[in-house]
């Protein structure tokens, strides 16, 4: 099983301990990864919402790309590839 070992100053350790609270160190680290994923998804959703409102004629293209990116971030490669194939199909019809 992988392990993480780092050296911290007393100040850094106390700072992290406050953030950790009652969670385990593992729970804290995993929550950081989840928060990053959710932050990326929120940014993607906001961007594509703006694109759809500015260019409603290409709504379908933007939606396919949005879903592709989110699937990629969530490590759902098959879904991402499926959506990218839809993008190619959509572009070939144009």
C-alpha atoms as a PDB file:
ATOM      1  CA  UNK A   1       0.000   0.000   0.000  1.00  0.00           C
ATOM      2  CA  UNK A   2       1.425   3.439  -0.922  1.00  0.00           C
ATOM      3  CA  UNK A   3       2.482   5.784   1.852  1.00  0.00           C
ATOM      4  CA  UNK A   4       3.123   9.513   2.017  1.00  0.00           C
ATOM      5  CA  UNK A   5       5.913  10.798   4.254  1.00  0.00           C
ATOM      6  CA  UNK A   6       6.768  14.481   4.474  1.00  0.00           C
ATOM      7  CA  UNK A   7       8.760  16.672   6.819  1.00  0.00           C
ATOM      8  CA  UNK A   8       7.009  19.714   8.259  1.00  0.00           C
ATOM      9  CA  UNK A   9       7.997  22.558  10.494  1.00  0.00           C
ATOM     10  CA  UNK A  10       6.181  22.780  13.800  1.00  0.00           C
ATOM     11  CA  UNK A  11       4.210  25.745  12.434  1.00  0.00           C
ATOM     12  CA  UNK A  12       3.170  23.863   9.259  1.00  0.00           C
ATOM     13  CA  UNK A  13       2.121  20.836  11.277  1.00  0.00           C
ATOM     14  CA  UNK A  14      -0.020  22.913  13.651  1.00  0.00           C
ATOM     15  CA  UNK A  15      -1.617  24.723  10.707  1.00  0.00           C
ATOM     16  CA  UNK A  16      -2.521  21.438   8.998  1.00  0.00           C
ATOM     17  CA  UNK A  17      -3.739  19.969  12.264  1.00  0.00           C
ATOM     18  CA  UNK A  18      -6.241  22.834  12.594  1.00  0.00           C
ATOM     19  CA  UNK A  19      -7.512  22.217   9.057  1.00  0.00           C
ATOM     20  CA  UNK A  20      -7.703  18.469   9.698  1.00  0.00           C
ATOM     21  CA  UNK A  21      -9.966  18.801  12.715  1.00  0.00           C
ATOM     22  CA  UNK A  22     -11.461  15.453  13.744  1.00  0.00           C
ATOM     23  CA  UNK A  23     -10.841  13.848  10.353  1.00  0.00           C
ATOM     24  CA  UNK A  24      -8.064  11.355   9.806  1.00  0.00           C
ATOM     25  CA  UNK A  25      -5.067  12.488   7.789  1.00  0.00           C
ATOM     26  CA  UNK A  26      -6.243  10.215   4.980  1.00  0.00           C
ATOM     27  CA  UNK A  27      -9.719  11.787   5.006  1.00  0.00           C
ATOM     28  CA  UNK A  28      -8.153  15.252   4.845  1.00  0.00           C
ATOM     29  CA  UNK A  29      -5.957  14.396   1.863  1.00  0.00           C
ATOM     30  CA  UNK A  30      -8.738  12.642  -0.026  1.00  0.00           C
ATOM     31  CA  UNK A  31     -11.039  15.633   0.559  1.00  0.00           C
ATOM     32  CA  UNK A  32      -8.424  17.892  -1.062  1.00  0.00           C
ATOM     33  CA  UNK A  33      -8.469  15.768  -4.206  1.00  0.00           C
ATOM     34  CA  UNK A  34     -12.273  15.751  -4.292  1.00  0.00           C
ATOM     35  CA  UNK A  35     -12.410  19.493  -3.776  1.00  0.00           C
ATOM     36  CA  UNK A  36     -10.049  20.035  -6.716  1.00  0.00           C
ATOM     37  CA  UNK A  37     -12.223  17.828  -8.911  1.00  0.00           C
ATOM     38  CA  UNK A  38     -15.360  19.702  -7.908  1.00  0.00           C
ATOM     39  CA  UNK A  39     -13.664  23.061  -8.457  1.00  0.00           C
ATOM     40  CA  UNK A  40     -12.713  22.053 -12.006  1.00  0.00           C
ATOM     41  CA  UNK A  41     -16.227  20.809 -12.717  1.00  0.00           C
ATOM     42  CA  UNK A  42     -17.751  24.046 -11.427  1.00  0.00           C
ATOM     43  CA  UNK A  43     -15.414  26.119 -13.612  1.00  0.00           C
ATOM     44  CA  UNK A  44     -16.273  24.024 -16.675  1.00  0.00           C
ATOM     45  CA  UNK A  45     -19.998  24.343 -16.023  1.00  0.00           C
ATOM     46  CA  UNK A  46     -19.751  28.116 -15.639  1.00  0.00           C
ATOM     47  CA  UNK A  47     -17.700  28.501 -18.813  1.00  0.00           C
ATOM     48  CA  UNK A  48     -20.017  26.379 -20.912  1.00  0.00           C
ATOM     49  CA  UNK A  49     -23.105  28.093 -19.503  1.00  0.00           C
ATOM     50  CA  UNK A  50     -21.659  31.400 -20.728  1.00  0.00           C
ATOM     51  CA  UNK A  51     -20.822  29.929 -24.125  1.00  0.00           C
ATOM     52  CA  UNK A  52     -24.326  28.520 -24.533  1.00  0.00           C
ATOM     53  CA  UNK A  53     -25.912  31.859 -23.667  1.00  0.00           C
ATOM     54  CA  UNK A  54     -23.608  33.789 -26.028  1.00  0.00           C
ATOM     55  CA  UNK A  55     -23.924  31.304 -28.881  1.00  0.00           C
ATOM     56  CA  UNK A  56     -27.166  29.328 -28.538  1.00  0.00           C
ATOM     57  CA  UNK A  57     -26.956  28.018 -32.115  1.00  0.00           C
ATOM     58  CA  UNK A  58     -24.034  25.783 -31.083  1.00  0.00           C
ATOM     59  CA  UNK A  59     -25.612  24.605 -27.831  1.00  0.00           C
ATOM     60  CA  UNK A  60     -25.318  20.916 -28.750  1.00  0.00           C
ATOM     61  CA  UNK A  61     -21.595  21.209 -29.506  1.00  0.00           C
ATOM     62  CA  UNK A  62     -20.910  22.996 -26.215  1.00  0.00           C
ATOM     63  CA  UNK A  63     -22.902  20.459 -24.221  1.00  0.00           C
ATOM     64  CA  UNK A  64     -21.030  17.521 -25.737  1.00  0.00           C
ATOM     65  CA  UNK A  65     -17.687  19.186 -25.000  1.00  0.00           C
ATOM     66  CA  UNK A  66     -18.770  20.010 -21.425  1.00  0.00           C
ATOM     67  CA  UNK A  67     -19.737  16.401 -20.726  1.00  0.00           C
ATOM     68  CA  UNK A  68     -16.491  15.168 -22.336  1.00  0.00           C
ATOM     69  CA  UNK A  69     -14.339  17.349 -20.099  1.00  0.00           C
ATOM     70  CA  UNK A  70     -16.217  16.413 -16.938  1.00  0.00           C
ATOM     71  CA  UNK A  71     -15.962  12.721 -17.784  1.00  0.00           C
ATOM     72  CA  UNK A  72     -12.214  13.165 -18.344  1.00  0.00           C
ATOM     73  CA  UNK A  73     -11.805  14.898 -14.974  1.00  0.00           C
ATOM     74  CA  UNK A  74     -13.726  12.095 -13.259  1.00  0.00           C
ATOM     75  CA  UNK A  75     -11.471   9.562 -14.999  1.00  0.00           C
ATOM     76  CA  UNK A  76     -14.401   8.166 -16.982  1.00  0.00           C
ATOM     77  CA  UNK A  77     -12.375   7.657 -20.150  1.00  0.00           C
ATOM     78  CA  UNK A  78     -14.974   5.583 -22.014  1.00  0.00           C
ATOM     79  CA  UNK A  79     -17.633   8.244 -21.557  1.00  0.00           C
ATOM     80  CA  UNK A  80     -15.190  10.970 -22.583  1.00  0.00           C
ATOM     81  CA  UNK A  81     -14.253   9.080 -25.765  1.00  0.00           C
ATOM     82  CA  UNK A  82     -17.910   8.406 -26.577  1.00  0.00           C
ATOM     83  CA  UNK A  83     -18.725  12.107 -26.260  1.00  0.00           C
ATOM     84  CA  UNK A  84     -15.706  13.085 -28.354  1.00  0.00           C
ATOM     85  CA  UNK A  85     -16.913  10.726 -31.086  1.00  0.00           C
ATOM     86  CA  UNK A  86     -20.249  12.563 -30.949  1.00  0.00           C
ATOM     87  CA  UNK A  87     -18.325  15.811 -31.386  1.00  0.00           C
ATOM     88  CA  UNK A  88     -16.621  14.450 -34.499  1.00  0.00           C
ATOM     89  CA  UNK A  89     -19.981  13.281 -35.865  1.00  0.00           C
ATOM     90  CA  UNK A  90     -21.521  16.676 -35.184  1.00  0.00           C
ATOM     91  CA  UNK A  91     -18.629  18.522 -36.834  1.00  0.00           C
ATOM     92  CA  UNK A  92     -18.683  16.255 -39.888  1.00  0.00           C
ATOM     93  CA  UNK A  93     -22.355  17.184 -40.474  1.00  0.00           C
ATOM     94  CA  UNK A  94     -21.506  20.888 -40.607  1.00  0.00           C
END
